[in-house]
């Protein structure tokens, strides 16, 4: 596969003749923002929902809305969902307020223009938006106010973090905090700079865990995303990880961090140097990260987004402590069947032997690693688990690793009544049939993959 040479960031172009799309991005995992859903699989009948509202690589005058139940496979909810009455919309940030509405705040001008305002819009359904107002950020000699981001703190206060620069140094941005002084989000406190991160750090995104604030911020000189911590939202922050500390590479910007259903932390960032949008996961609260992976579907189209997470009604529903068989959604004569400890997908029908029907019958139980998830036992009492990315049945050895390997999260399938089974400890990986064998594979974001990984629970054969 050929790769194109690194493209200068918009900010580099701004320095060279004006190009620097800055953004200070902060998000909280607290009620009213992205974290209304806890780190647990959704209960039966409910679903996790992640929403992004990116502006487009081809158009900064409008935004699309995408949603996903696994933070990997994002599907279009509405194209050109919001176009402001004037100017542009870039770096849009979304959150759900306590009044039940979703709110956007966004950059109002393109990078060439002086931009002293940030915009606000509101929606009841994430698809249809109403312009509210443009707000002039009250900073003396302000030149640019870019990438405003919502942040709901532990006390419930609603904040906007915005990157600002002043005349005479218009391409050097500093993150500021604006705090809402009324519940209508129409009045704001005076801007307060976040200390410790320093100038020439942009796209600062903060996650709070307990009493600690974790900042992911782009060093505009090195083009790496760095890491800092503080005990207060406004700092002072101490930067403790620099360079390519996480293995994400350089020419990366726009980090956004969210906690997945199994407690894993996922970062999304814009790989503007190669035109790819990436994600990477941390299983140890930001110490180490998985290799960056291209985000299916939206990579190459979406620019600078943040992610909000909710638990909503309407998810898959499946009773536990009952026996079921599982029919392929796109090969309706084929069913799960245990064969020599492996899970395969043979044809099963009324002419099948009693042993074959028994091997195609499974007991659905609460997930070993998360009771809201699911585990499956075969007729001999062994549990379905993944091993070397193959689905197989083994005796429960009581370890944490086995419990995670044997737990799956129910996601909505490709057809009515169908369920997709996401690995608990490999987010974005699903049980998928290939050559009539069940394997654990990373979602490709395609309709075919969704069909191959969808199975309908039906009455037990055995």
Protein backbone atom coordinates (compact mmCIF):
# COMPACT_ATOMS: atom_id res chain seq x y z
CA UNK A 1 0.00 0.00 0.00
CA UNK A 2 1.43 3.36 -0.94
CA UNK A 3 1.40 6.24 1.48
CA UNK A 4 1.43 9.90 0.75
CA UNK A 5 4.03 12.17 2.35
CA UNK A 6 3.00 13.95 5.55
CA UNK A 7 0.75 16.89 4.85
CA UNK A 8 1.51 20.04 6.82
CA UNK A 9 -1.07 20.68 9.51
CA UNK A 10 -3.47 23.53 9.07
CA UNK A 11 -1.57 25.35 11.80
CA UNK A 12 1.74 24.92 10.02
CA UNK A 13 0.18 26.42 6.93
CA UNK A 14 -1.15 29.28 9.00
CA UNK A 15 2.34 30.01 10.22
CA UNK A 16 3.66 29.76 6.71
CA UNK A 17 0.89 31.92 5.36
CA UNK A 18 -1.73 31.46 7.89
CA UNK A 19 -3.00 28.03 8.80
CA UNK A 20 -3.50 26.76 12.29
CA UNK A 21 -6.82 25.24 13.32
CA UNK A 22 -6.41 25.14 17.05
CA UNK A 23 -8.74 23.54 19.47
CA UNK A 24 -8.73 23.11 23.19
CA UNK A 25 -10.82 20.09 23.77
CA UNK A 26 -12.03 19.08 27.18
CA UNK A 27 -14.70 16.65 28.11
CA UNK A 28 -15.99 15.26 31.37
CA UNK A 29 -17.38 11.84 32.02
CA UNK A 30 -19.99 13.24 34.37
CA UNK A 31 -23.78 13.60 34.20
CA UNK A 32 -24.89 15.97 31.48
CA UNK A 33 -21.90 15.44 29.22
CA UNK A 34 -20.47 12.30 27.74
CA UNK A 35 -20.47 10.10 30.76
CA UNK A 36 -24.09 9.41 31.53
CA UNK A 37 -23.35 5.77 30.70
CA UNK A 38 -21.23 3.91 33.22
CA UNK A 39 -18.36 1.52 32.52
CA UNK A 40 -20.57 -1.57 32.26
CA UNK A 41 -22.37 -3.37 29.49
CA UNK A 42 -25.89 -2.02 28.95
CA UNK A 43 -28.64 -4.06 30.60
CA UNK A 44 -30.98 -6.17 28.50
CA UNK A 45 -33.27 -3.94 26.45
CA UNK A 46 -30.88 -1.00 26.59
CA UNK A 47 -28.03 0.06 24.33
CA UNK A 48 -24.90 2.16 24.55
CA UNK A 49 -24.95 5.06 22.11
CA UNK A 50 -21.94 7.13 21.06
CA UNK A 51 -22.51 10.29 19.04
CA UNK A 52 -20.10 12.42 17.00
CA UNK A 53 -20.85 15.65 15.10
CA UNK A 54 -17.85 16.29 12.85
CA UNK A 55 -17.38 18.93 10.24
CA UNK A 56 -16.31 17.50 6.91
CA UNK A 57 -12.94 17.25 5.26
CA UNK A 58 -14.61 18.64 2.14
CA UNK A 59 -16.84 21.26 3.77
CA UNK A 60 -16.50 23.33 6.95
CA UNK A 61 -19.90 24.95 6.45
CA UNK A 62 -21.96 22.04 7.79
CA UNK A 63 -21.77 18.98 10.07
CA UNK A 64 -22.90 15.38 9.83
CA UNK A 65 -24.19 13.39 12.79
CA UNK A 66 -23.04 9.79 13.27
CA UNK A 67 -23.91 7.27 15.97
CA UNK A 68 -22.47 3.94 17.10
CA UNK A 69 -23.21 1.32 19.74
CA UNK A 70 -19.57 0.24 20.09
CA UNK A 71 -17.49 3.42 19.48
CA UNK A 72 -15.96 1.77 16.41
CA UNK A 73 -18.60 1.30 13.71
CA UNK A 74 -20.19 4.75 13.30
CA UNK A 75 -23.25 5.02 11.07
CA UNK A 76 -24.67 8.17 9.53
CA UNK A 77 -27.68 9.50 11.43
CA UNK A 78 -28.08 12.61 9.26
CA UNK A 79 -25.93 14.34 6.69
CA UNK A 80 -25.69 18.15 6.72
CA UNK A 81 -27.61 18.02 9.99
CA UNK A 82 -26.80 21.62 10.89
CA UNK A 83 -25.67 24.56 8.81
CA UNK A 84 -25.37 27.85 10.71
CA UNK A 85 -27.21 30.89 9.32
CA UNK A 86 -23.90 32.59 8.57
CA UNK A 87 -20.16 31.94 8.67
CA UNK A 88 -18.74 28.44 9.24
CA UNK A 89 -18.98 25.52 11.66
CA UNK A 90 -15.74 23.80 12.66
CA UNK A 91 -14.63 21.74 15.66
CA UNK A 92 -18.19 21.21 16.91
CA UNK A 93 -18.59 19.84 20.44
CA UNK A 94 -21.84 18.25 21.62
CA UNK A 95 -23.30 17.42 25.02
CA UNK A 96 -26.68 16.63 26.56
CA UNK A 97 -27.81 19.14 29.15
CA UNK A 98 -30.01 18.53 32.18
CA UNK A 99 -32.93 20.12 30.29
CA UNK A 100 -32.94 17.14 27.92
CA UNK A 101 -31.59 19.05 24.92
CA UNK A 102 -28.36 18.45 23.04
CA UNK A 103 -26.17 21.50 22.59
CA UNK A 104 -23.45 22.31 20.08
CA UNK A 105 -20.71 24.86 20.47
CA UNK A 106 -18.37 25.49 17.58
CA UNK A 107 -15.83 27.66 15.80
CA UNK A 108 -17.67 30.25 13.69
CA UNK A 109 -15.09 31.26 11.07
CA UNK A 110 -12.63 29.65 8.74
CA UNK A 111 -8.93 29.81 9.59
CA UNK A 112 -8.18 32.80 7.36
CA UNK A 113 -10.52 35.15 9.23
CA UNK A 114 -10.39 36.93 12.54
CA UNK A 115 -12.75 34.90 14.70
CA UNK A 116 -13.76 36.37 18.04
CA UNK A 117 -17.05 34.48 18.47
CA UNK A 118 -18.13 30.93 19.19
CA UNK A 119 -21.50 29.57 18.09
CA UNK A 120 -24.27 27.72 19.90
CA UNK A 121 -27.10 25.51 18.60
CA UNK A 122 -29.63 23.15 20.20
CA UNK A 123 -31.49 19.95 19.28
CA UNK A 124 -34.02 17.63 20.88
CA UNK A 125 -33.06 14.61 18.76
CA UNK A 126 -29.43 15.16 17.56
CA UNK A 127 -30.67 15.29 13.95
CA UNK A 128 -32.48 18.65 13.73
CA UNK A 129 -30.73 21.72 15.10
CA UNK A 130 -31.74 25.30 15.87
CA UNK A 131 -29.26 28.16 15.91
CA UNK A 132 -29.16 29.92 19.29
CA UNK A 133 -26.55 32.69 19.21
CA UNK A 134 -22.94 33.68 18.58
CA UNK A 135 -21.00 34.71 21.67
CA UNK A 136 -18.08 37.14 21.62
CA UNK A 137 -15.34 35.83 23.91
CA UNK A 138 -14.31 38.78 26.14
CA UNK A 139 -10.51 38.74 25.84
CA UNK A 140 -8.64 41.99 25.14
CA UNK A 141 -7.12 42.13 21.65
CA UNK A 142 -8.62 38.72 20.82
CA UNK A 143 -7.72 37.48 17.35
CA UNK A 144 -9.00 33.90 17.24
CA UNK A 145 -11.40 31.88 19.44
CA UNK A 146 -11.33 28.32 18.20
CA UNK A 147 -12.53 24.83 19.07
CA UNK A 148 -14.84 25.46 22.03
CA UNK A 149 -15.53 22.28 23.99
CA UNK A 150 -18.10 21.42 26.63
CA UNK A 151 -16.92 20.17 29.99
CA UNK A 152 -19.25 19.29 32.88
CA UNK A 153 -17.31 19.15 36.14
CA UNK A 154 -17.95 17.12 39.27
CA UNK A 155 -20.04 19.87 40.84
CA UNK A 156 -22.35 19.87 37.82
CA UNK A 157 -21.02 23.17 36.49
CA UNK A 158 -21.13 23.52 32.72
CA UNK A 159 -17.98 24.89 31.15
CA UNK A 160 -16.67 25.66 27.70
CA UNK A 161 -12.94 25.33 27.08
CA UNK A 162 -11.84 27.45 24.14
CA UNK A 163 -8.43 28.08 22.57
CA UNK A 164 -7.70 31.76 22.08
CA UNK A 165 -4.98 33.90 20.56
CA UNK A 166 -4.42 37.65 20.57
CA UNK A 167 -3.46 40.17 17.92
CA UNK A 168 0.27 40.24 17.28
CA UNK A 169 0.58 36.53 18.18
CA UNK A 170 -2.46 35.22 16.39
CA UNK A 171 -1.22 31.65 15.83
CA UNK A 172 -0.14 30.94 19.43
CA UNK A 173 -3.15 29.61 21.30
CA UNK A 174 -3.89 29.23 25.01
CA UNK A 175 -6.84 27.27 26.44
CA UNK A 176 -9.37 29.25 28.50
CA UNK A 177 -12.28 28.18 30.66
CA UNK A 178 -15.70 29.85 30.35
CA UNK A 179 -18.18 28.80 33.04
CA UNK A 180 -21.94 29.03 32.50
CA UNK A 181 -23.58 31.31 35.07
CA UNK A 182 -27.15 30.25 34.29
CA UNK A 183 -28.87 27.00 33.38
CA UNK A 184 -29.97 28.39 30.02
CA UNK A 185 -26.31 28.53 28.95
CA UNK A 186 -26.63 32.12 27.79
CA UNK A 187 -24.35 33.85 30.31
CA UNK A 188 -20.69 33.11 30.95
CA UNK A 189 -17.97 33.96 33.45
CA UNK A 190 -14.84 35.86 32.50
CA UNK A 191 -12.29 33.66 30.71
CA UNK A 192 -9.67 31.96 32.90
CA UNK A 193 -6.53 30.52 31.30
CA UNK A 194 -5.64 26.91 32.09
CA UNK A 195 -2.21 27.13 33.67
CA UNK A 196 0.71 24.73 33.25
CA UNK A 197 -0.09 23.52 29.76
CA UNK A 198 1.58 26.55 28.25
CA UNK A 199 1.41 28.31 24.92
CA UNK A 200 1.91 26.36 21.72
CA UNK A 201 -0.12 23.50 23.16
CA UNK A 202 -3.46 23.13 21.46
CA UNK A 203 -6.34 20.68 21.16
CA UNK A 204 -6.30 20.07 24.89
CA UNK A 205 -8.81 17.41 25.93
CA UNK A 206 -9.38 16.65 29.60
CA UNK A 207 -10.92 13.65 31.30
CA UNK A 208 -11.61 13.66 35.02
CA UNK A 209 -11.26 10.48 37.10
CA UNK A 210 -11.94 10.95 40.78
CA UNK A 211 -10.24 14.19 41.81
CA UNK A 212 -7.65 14.13 39.03
CA UNK A 213 -7.82 15.87 35.67
CA UNK A 214 -5.99 14.16 32.80
CA UNK A 215 -5.09 16.38 29.86
CA UNK A 216 -4.24 15.18 26.36
CA UNK A 217 -2.74 18.10 24.48
CA UNK A 218 -0.97 18.54 21.18
CA UNK A 219 2.50 20.08 21.23
CA UNK A 220 2.39 22.21 18.10
CA UNK A 221 6.18 22.23 17.79
CA UNK A 222 6.70 18.45 17.84
CA UNK A 223 3.21 17.50 16.55
CA UNK A 224 2.90 14.85 19.29
CA UNK A 225 -0.03 14.49 21.68
CA UNK A 226 1.30 14.91 25.22
CA UNK A 227 -0.16 14.01 28.60
CA UNK A 228 -0.53 16.13 31.75
CA UNK A 229 -2.38 15.97 35.07
CA UNK A 230 -3.75 18.43 37.61
CA UNK A 231 -5.96 18.53 40.68
CA UNK A 232 -8.03 21.44 39.37
CA UNK A 233 -9.73 22.05 36.04
CA UNK A 234 -7.83 25.29 35.55
CA UNK A 235 -4.53 23.78 36.67
CA UNK A 236 -1.70 24.05 37.21
CA UNK A 237 -1.02 21.03 35.00
CA UNK A 238 2.19 19.02 34.98
CA UNK A 239 3.15 17.52 31.62
CA UNK A 240 4.67 14.09 32.30
CA UNK A 241 4.57 12.32 28.92
CA UNK A 242 6.12 13.85 25.83
CA UNK A 243 7.35 12.78 22.41
CA UNK A 244 5.98 9.56 20.99
CA UNK A 245 5.26 8.20 24.47
CA UNK A 246 2.05 6.37 23.43
CA UNK A 247 3.19 5.14 20.01
CA UNK A 248 0.65 7.23 18.12
CA UNK A 249 3.23 9.02 15.98
CA UNK A 250 3.40 12.71 15.13
CA UNK A 251 1.21 14.95 13.02
CA UNK A 252 -1.73 14.04 15.24
CA UNK A 253 -4.36 16.44 16.59
CA UNK A 254 -7.86 16.74 18.01
CA UNK A 255 -7.70 14.06 20.74
CA UNK A 256 -10.98 12.95 22.32
CA UNK A 257 -11.15 10.37 25.11
CA UNK A 258 -14.11 8.26 26.25
CA UNK A 259 -14.56 5.26 28.53
CA UNK A 260 -15.99 2.13 26.91
CA UNK A 261 -18.43 -0.33 28.44
CA UNK A 262 -15.70 -2.59 29.82
CA UNK A 263 -13.78 0.27 31.49
CA UNK A 264 -11.20 0.59 28.71
CA UNK A 265 -10.32 4.16 27.73
CA UNK A 266 -10.39 4.98 24.03
CA UNK A 267 -8.76 7.98 22.40
CA UNK A 268 -9.75 9.26 18.97
CA UNK A 269 -7.49 11.63 17.05
CA UNK A 270 -7.11 13.16 13.64
CA UNK A 271 -4.08 11.87 11.76
CA UNK A 272 -4.08 14.87 9.46
CA UNK A 273 -0.63 14.00 8.15
CA UNK A 274 -1.92 10.89 6.41
CA UNK A 275 -5.61 11.73 6.10
CA UNK A 276 -6.73 9.05 8.57
CA UNK A 277 -8.83 9.25 11.72
CA UNK A 278 -7.48 6.88 14.39
CA UNK A 279 -8.43 5.31 17.68
CA UNK A 280 -6.30 3.64 20.35
CA UNK A 281 -7.20 1.89 23.62
CA UNK A 282 -5.76 1.93 27.12
CA UNK A 283 -6.50 -0.85 29.60
CA UNK A 284 -4.45 0.68 32.44
CA UNK A 285 -5.84 4.22 32.78
CA UNK A 286 -3.63 6.00 30.26
CA UNK A 287 -0.27 4.38 31.05
CA UNK A 288 0.00 2.34 27.83
CA UNK A 289 -1.97 2.29 24.59
CA UNK A 290 -2.73 -0.08 21.75
CA UNK A 291 -1.38 0.55 18.26
CA UNK A 292 -3.46 3.23 16.51
CA UNK A 293 -6.13 1.81 14.20
CA UNK A 294 -8.01 3.57 11.40
CA UNK A 295 -11.62 4.25 12.35
CA UNK A 296 -13.90 2.57 9.80
CA UNK A 297 -16.52 4.46 7.80
CA UNK A 298 -15.74 8.05 8.86
CA UNK A 299 -11.95 8.07 8.43
CA UNK A 300 -11.06 10.42 5.60
CA UNK A 301 -14.42 12.20 5.82
CA UNK A 302 -14.77 13.44 9.39
CA UNK A 303 -12.65 16.17 10.94
CA UNK A 304 -12.16 17.19 14.56
CA UNK A 305 -14.89 15.58 16.62
CA UNK A 306 -15.50 14.67 20.22
CA UNK A 307 -17.59 11.75 21.44
CA UNK A 308 -20.50 11.62 23.86
CA UNK A 309 -21.77 8.41 25.40
CA UNK A 310 -25.26 7.57 26.62
CA UNK A 311 -27.28 4.54 27.66
CA UNK A 312 -30.58 4.51 25.80
CA UNK A 313 -33.58 2.21 25.50
CA UNK A 314 -34.22 -0.07 22.55
CA UNK A 315 -31.21 -2.34 22.72
CA UNK A 316 -31.14 -6.13 22.29
CA UNK A 317 -33.12 -8.15 24.78
CA UNK A 318 -32.31 -11.76 25.61
CA UNK A 319 -33.39 -13.73 28.66
CA UNK A 320 -30.72 -15.45 30.76
CA UNK A 321 -30.69 -18.91 32.32
CA UNK A 322 -32.57 -20.31 29.33
CA UNK A 323 -31.48 -22.50 26.42
CA UNK A 324 -31.35 -21.11 22.90
CA UNK A 325 -29.97 -21.89 19.47
CA UNK A 326 -28.36 -19.20 17.33
CA UNK A 327 -29.22 -18.88 13.65
CA UNK A 328 -27.01 -17.03 11.18
CA UNK A 329 -28.74 -13.85 10.00
CA UNK A 330 -27.52 -14.24 6.43
CA UNK A 331 -27.33 -18.04 6.16
CA UNK A 332 -30.66 -18.99 7.68
CA UNK A 333 -30.15 -22.78 7.49
CA UNK A 334 -26.96 -22.59 9.55
CA UNK A 335 -26.63 -22.47 13.33
CA UNK A 336 -23.97 -22.30 16.03
CA UNK A 337 -22.75 -25.79 16.84
CA UNK A 338 -20.00 -27.09 19.12
CA UNK A 339 -17.75 -29.43 17.13
CA UNK A 340 -14.67 -30.92 18.86
CA UNK A 341 -14.62 -27.95 21.28
CA UNK A 342 -14.78 -25.40 18.41
CA UNK A 343 -17.77 -23.27 17.43
CA UNK A 344 -18.80 -23.76 13.81
CA UNK A 345 -21.81 -22.94 11.65
CA UNK A 346 -23.17 -26.08 9.98
CA UNK A 347 -26.62 -26.67 8.54
CA UNK A 348 -29.08 -27.87 11.19
CA UNK A 349 -32.62 -28.99 10.43
CA UNK A 350 -35.28 -31.44 11.51
CA UNK A 351 -33.30 -34.28 9.92
CA UNK A 352 -30.23 -33.57 12.06
CA UNK A 353 -29.32 -36.17 14.68
CA UNK A 354 -30.16 -35.71 18.34
CA UNK A 355 -26.45 -35.24 19.06
CA UNK A 356 -26.19 -32.49 16.43
CA UNK A 357 -29.25 -30.73 17.83
CA UNK A 358 -27.84 -30.98 21.34
CA UNK A 359 -24.52 -29.55 20.15
CA UNK A 360 -26.49 -26.64 18.64
CA UNK A 361 -28.18 -25.80 21.94
CA UNK A 362 -26.64 -23.42 24.48
CA UNK A 363 -27.51 -22.07 27.89
CA UNK A 364 -27.49 -18.28 28.04
CA UNK A 365 -26.13 -17.01 31.37
CA UNK A 366 -24.96 -13.73 32.88
CA UNK A 367 -21.54 -12.65 31.66
CA UNK A 368 -18.72 -14.02 33.81
CA UNK A 369 -16.91 -10.66 33.74
CA UNK A 370 -19.98 -8.39 33.66
CA UNK A 371 -23.44 -9.54 34.69
CA UNK A 372 -25.01 -7.21 32.11
CA UNK A 373 -23.10 -9.06 29.41
CA UNK A 374 -23.60 -12.65 28.33
CA UNK A 375 -21.81 -15.97 28.53
CA UNK A 376 -22.79 -19.25 26.89
CA UNK A 377 -22.48 -22.87 28.03
CA UNK A 378 -22.61 -25.93 25.84
CA UNK A 379 -24.34 -29.18 26.80
CA UNK A 380 -21.29 -30.38 28.74
CA UNK A 381 -21.08 -27.17 30.81
CA UNK A 382 -18.08 -25.65 29.06
CA UNK A 383 -18.11 -21.96 28.26
CA UNK A 384 -17.80 -20.29 24.89
CA UNK A 385 -14.65 -18.15 24.84
CA UNK A 386 -12.20 -16.78 22.31
CA UNK A 387 -8.71 -18.20 22.11
CA UNK A 388 -6.24 -17.03 19.49
CA UNK A 389 -9.24 -15.32 17.86
CA UNK A 390 -11.08 -18.62 17.43
CA UNK A 391 -14.39 -19.31 19.18
CA UNK A 392 -14.18 -22.48 21.27
CA UNK A 393 -15.51 -24.15 24.42
CA UNK A 394 -13.44 -24.73 27.55
CA UNK A 395 -13.99 -25.40 31.23
CA UNK A 396 -14.05 -22.28 33.36
CA UNK A 397 -10.70 -22.13 35.16
CA UNK A 398 -11.86 -19.32 37.47
CA UNK A 399 -9.35 -16.76 36.25
CA UNK A 400 -10.11 -13.16 35.37
CA UNK A 401 -8.72 -13.72 31.88
CA UNK A 402 -11.09 -16.61 31.24
CA UNK A 403 -14.06 -14.61 32.53
CA UNK A 404 -13.27 -11.77 30.12
CA UNK A 405 -12.60 -14.12 27.21
CA UNK A 406 -15.98 -15.77 27.85
CA UNK A 407 -18.05 -12.57 28.16
CA UNK A 408 -19.78 -10.89 25.23
CA UNK A 409 -21.76 -7.67 24.94
CA UNK A 410 -25.02 -7.74 22.98
CA UNK A 411 -25.20 -5.20 20.13
CA UNK A 412 -28.05 -4.71 17.68
CA UNK A 413 -27.75 -6.97 14.63
CA UNK A 414 -28.26 -6.41 10.93
CA UNK A 415 -31.87 -7.60 10.86
CA UNK A 416 -34.89 -7.72 13.12
CA UNK A 417 -34.23 -9.88 16.18
CA UNK A 418 -30.56 -10.42 15.32
CA UNK A 419 -27.78 -9.74 17.82
CA UNK A 420 -24.09 -9.08 17.28
CA UNK A 421 -21.76 -10.37 20.01
CA UNK A 422 -18.88 -8.04 20.82
CA UNK A 423 -15.94 -9.35 22.81
CA UNK A 424 -15.84 -7.91 26.31
CA UNK A 425 -12.07 -7.59 26.44
CA UNK A 426 -11.42 -6.87 22.76
CA UNK A 427 -13.66 -3.86 22.04
CA UNK A 428 -14.69 -3.63 18.41
CA UNK A 429 -14.10 -7.37 17.82
CA UNK A 430 -17.12 -9.59 17.12
CA UNK A 431 -18.01 -13.24 16.72
CA UNK A 432 -18.17 -13.51 12.95
CA UNK A 433 -18.55 -16.53 10.69
CA UNK A 434 -15.98 -17.12 7.99
CA UNK A 435 -15.85 -20.33 5.99
CA UNK A 436 -18.55 -21.56 8.40
CA UNK A 437 -16.27 -21.18 11.40
CA UNK A 438 -16.85 -18.69 14.21
CA UNK A 439 -13.93 -16.34 14.77
CA UNK A 440 -13.29 -13.13 16.65
CA UNK A 441 -12.63 -10.37 14.13
CA UNK A 442 -12.35 -6.61 14.25
CA UNK A 443 -15.31 -4.87 12.66
CA UNK A 444 -14.70 -3.60 9.16
CA UNK A 445 -17.65 -1.22 9.29
CA UNK A 446 -19.23 -2.85 6.22
CA UNK A 447 -22.73 -4.20 5.72
CA UNK A 448 -21.27 -7.62 4.95
CA UNK A 449 -19.37 -7.72 8.22
CA UNK A 450 -22.50 -6.73 10.14
CA UNK A 451 -24.44 -9.52 8.44
CA UNK A 452 -21.71 -12.12 9.02
CA UNK A 453 -21.59 -11.18 12.70
CA UNK A 454 -25.37 -11.18 13.29
CA UNK A 455 -27.18 -14.15 14.81
CA UNK A 456 -30.82 -14.62 15.74
CA UNK A 457 -31.61 -16.34 19.08
CA UNK A 458 -34.29 -18.95 18.41
CA UNK A 459 -35.90 -21.81 20.25
CA UNK A 460 -33.43 -24.49 21.22
CA UNK A 461 -32.92 -27.42 18.86
CA UNK A 462 -32.05 -29.77 21.68
